[in-house]
Amino acid sequence: MTTQYENRTTGQRTAGSTGNVLSIIAIVLGVVSIVFFPIVFGVIGLVLAVIAKFVRHERLSGVALVVSAAGLVLGMILGAVVVSA
């Protein structure tokens, strides 16, 4: 079955339609983990970035790994500074 707009069958995806979804979510969680719950958001971001890198081979997965790890570490440091002050 083809659609009236395109010459491909319905339900088929193009090569770029899955994109970098997990990597983008991991980057957002890494940034959020700097301020809110670094243990939770940073670890979830790291897990998603690892899945994006080794399972889905997304282009932004390296950036997501760095941002998630940095967010985890910076969030823990910021939390320790705030608690000790």
C-alpha atoms as a PDB file:
ATOM      1  CA  MET A   1       0.000   0.000   0.000  1.00  0.00           C
ATOM      2  CA  THR A   2       1.456   3.353  -0.960  1.00  0.00           C
ATOM      3  CA  THR A   3       0.415   6.734   0.277  1.00  0.00           C
ATOM      4  CA  GLN A   4      -0.760   9.461  -2.029  1.00  0.00           C
ATOM      5  CA  TYR A   5       2.148  11.702  -1.068  1.00  0.00           C
ATOM      6  CA  GLU A   6       5.152   9.446  -1.320  1.00  0.00           C
ATOM      7  CA  ASN A   7       6.198   6.519  -3.395  1.00  0.00           C
ATOM      8  CA  ARG A   8       7.013   4.165  -0.523  1.00  0.00           C
ATOM      9  CA  THR A   9       4.907   1.713   1.367  1.00  0.00           C
ATOM     10  CA  THR A  10       3.197   2.723   4.578  1.00  0.00           C
ATOM     11  CA  GLY A  11       5.008   1.797   7.750  1.00  0.00           C
ATOM     12  CA  GLN A  12       8.482   1.924   6.246  1.00  0.00           C
ATOM     13  CA  ARG A  13      10.978   4.150   7.927  1.00  0.00           C
ATOM     14  CA  THR A  14      13.718   6.067   6.249  1.00  0.00           C
ATOM     15  CA  ALA A  15      17.295   5.691   7.420  1.00  0.00           C
ATOM     16  CA  GLY A  16      17.265   8.818   9.589  1.00  0.00           C
ATOM     17  CA  SER A  17      13.833   8.537  11.129  1.00  0.00           C
ATOM     18  CA  THR A  18      15.017   6.959  14.391  1.00  0.00           C
ATOM     19  CA  GLY A  19      17.787   9.533  14.730  1.00  0.00           C
ATOM     20  CA  ASN A  20      19.471  10.276  18.014  1.00  0.00           C
ATOM     21  CA  VAL A  21      16.528   9.971  20.376  1.00  0.00           C
ATOM     22  CA  LEU A  22      18.297   8.137  23.205  1.00  0.00           C
ATOM     23  CA  SER A  23      21.349  10.366  22.900  1.00  0.00           C
ATOM     24  CA  ILE A  24      19.282  13.542  23.148  1.00  0.00           C
ATOM     25  CA  ILE A  25      17.389  12.213  26.162  1.00  0.00           C
ATOM     26  CA  ALA A  26      20.708  11.267  27.790  1.00  0.00           C
ATOM     27  CA  ILE A  27      22.110  14.754  27.153  1.00  0.00           C
ATOM     28  CA  VAL A  28      19.044  16.382  28.706  1.00  0.00           C
ATOM     29  CA  LEU A  29      19.216  14.080  31.728  1.00  0.00           C
ATOM     30  CA  GLY A  30      22.915  14.853  32.115  1.00  0.00           C
ATOM     31  CA  VAL A  31      22.243  18.579  32.195  1.00  0.00           C
ATOM     32  CA  VAL A  32      19.304  18.164  34.590  1.00  0.00           C
ATOM     33  CA  SER A  33      21.428  15.994  36.886  1.00  0.00           C
ATOM     34  CA  ILE A  34      23.720  18.939  37.615  1.00  0.00           C
ATOM     35  CA  VAL A  35      20.963  20.546  39.674  1.00  0.00           C
ATOM     36  CA  PHE A  36      18.391  17.833  40.523  1.00  0.00           C
ATOM     37  CA  PHE A  37      19.122  14.342  41.887  1.00  0.00           C
ATOM     38  CA  PRO A  38      22.441  13.605  40.196  1.00  0.00           C
ATOM     39  CA  ILE A  39      22.457   9.983  41.325  1.00  0.00           C
ATOM     40  CA  VAL A  40      19.129   9.272  39.620  1.00  0.00           C
ATOM     41  CA  PHE A  41      19.248  11.426  36.493  1.00  0.00           C
ATOM     42  CA  GLY A  42      22.974  11.035  35.880  1.00  0.00           C
ATOM     43  CA  VAL A  43      22.904   7.250  36.102  1.00  0.00           C
ATOM     44  CA  ILE A  44      19.823   6.994  33.881  1.00  0.00           C
ATOM     45  CA  GLY A  45      21.524   9.321  31.390  1.00  0.00           C
ATOM     46  CA  LEU A  46      24.657   7.179  31.422  1.00  0.00           C
ATOM     47  CA  VAL A  47      22.668   3.985  30.850  1.00  0.00           C
ATOM     48  CA  LEU A  48      20.785   5.539  27.938  1.00  0.00           C
ATOM     49  CA  ALA A  49      24.026   6.860  26.451  1.00  0.00           C
ATOM     50  CA  VAL A  50      25.657   3.428  26.645  1.00  0.00           C
ATOM     51  CA  ILE A  51      22.630   1.830  24.980  1.00  0.00           C
ATOM     52  CA  ALA A  52      22.711   4.522  22.295  1.00  0.00           C
ATOM     53  CA  LYS A  53      26.413   3.932  21.660  1.00  0.00           C
ATOM     54  CA  PHE A  54      26.726   0.169  21.678  1.00  0.00           C
ATOM     55  CA  VAL A  55      23.268  -1.046  20.679  1.00  0.00           C
ATOM     56  CA  ARG A  56      21.825   1.647  18.416  1.00  0.00           C
ATOM     57  CA  HIS A  57      25.102   3.241  17.180  1.00  0.00           C
ATOM     58  CA  GLU A  58      23.793   6.802  17.336  1.00  0.00           C
ATOM     59  CA  ARG A  59      26.019   9.683  16.258  1.00  0.00           C
ATOM     60  CA  LEU A  60      25.545  11.829  19.378  1.00  0.00           C
ATOM     61  CA  SER A  61      26.159   8.998  21.830  1.00  0.00           C
ATOM     62  CA  GLY A  62      29.734  10.088  22.592  1.00  0.00           C
ATOM     63  CA  VAL A  63      28.532  13.562  23.494  1.00  0.00           C
ATOM     64  CA  ALA A  64      25.766  12.016  25.591  1.00  0.00           C
ATOM     65  CA  LEU A  65      28.264   9.884  27.505  1.00  0.00           C
ATOM     66  CA  VAL A  66      30.448  12.884  28.318  1.00  0.00           C
ATOM     67  CA  VAL A  67      27.548  15.156  29.289  1.00  0.00           C
ATOM     68  CA  SER A  68      25.896  12.496  31.460  1.00  0.00           C
ATOM     69  CA  ALA A  69      29.136  11.621  33.244  1.00  0.00           C
ATOM     70  CA  ALA A  70      29.996  15.294  33.761  1.00  0.00           C
ATOM     71  CA  GLY A  71      26.485  16.014  35.015  1.00  0.00           C
ATOM     72  CA  LEU A  72      26.710  13.143  37.469  1.00  0.00           C
ATOM     73  CA  VAL A  73      30.076  14.260  38.843  1.00  0.00           C
ATOM     74  CA  LEU A  74      29.298  17.989  38.888  1.00  0.00           C
ATOM     75  CA  GLY A  75      25.919  17.387  40.483  1.00  0.00           C
ATOM     76  CA  MET A  76      27.471  15.349  43.268  1.00  0.00           C
ATOM     77  CA  ILE A  77      30.157  17.994  43.846  1.00  0.00           C
ATOM     78  CA  LEU A  78      27.576  20.782  43.843  1.00  0.00           C
ATOM     79  CA  GLY A  79      25.412  18.817  46.268  1.00  0.00           C
ATOM     80  CA  ALA A  80      28.358  18.256  48.611  1.00  0.00           C
ATOM     81  CA  VAL A  81      29.228  21.967  48.535  1.00  0.00           C
ATOM     82  CA  VAL A  82      25.637  22.993  49.229  1.00  0.00           C
ATOM     83  CA  VAL A  83      25.252  20.521  52.106  1.00  0.00           C
ATOM     84  CA  SER A  84      28.554  21.493  53.717  1.00  0.00           C
ATOM     85  CA  ALA A  85      27.819  25.218  53.546  1.00  0.00           C
END
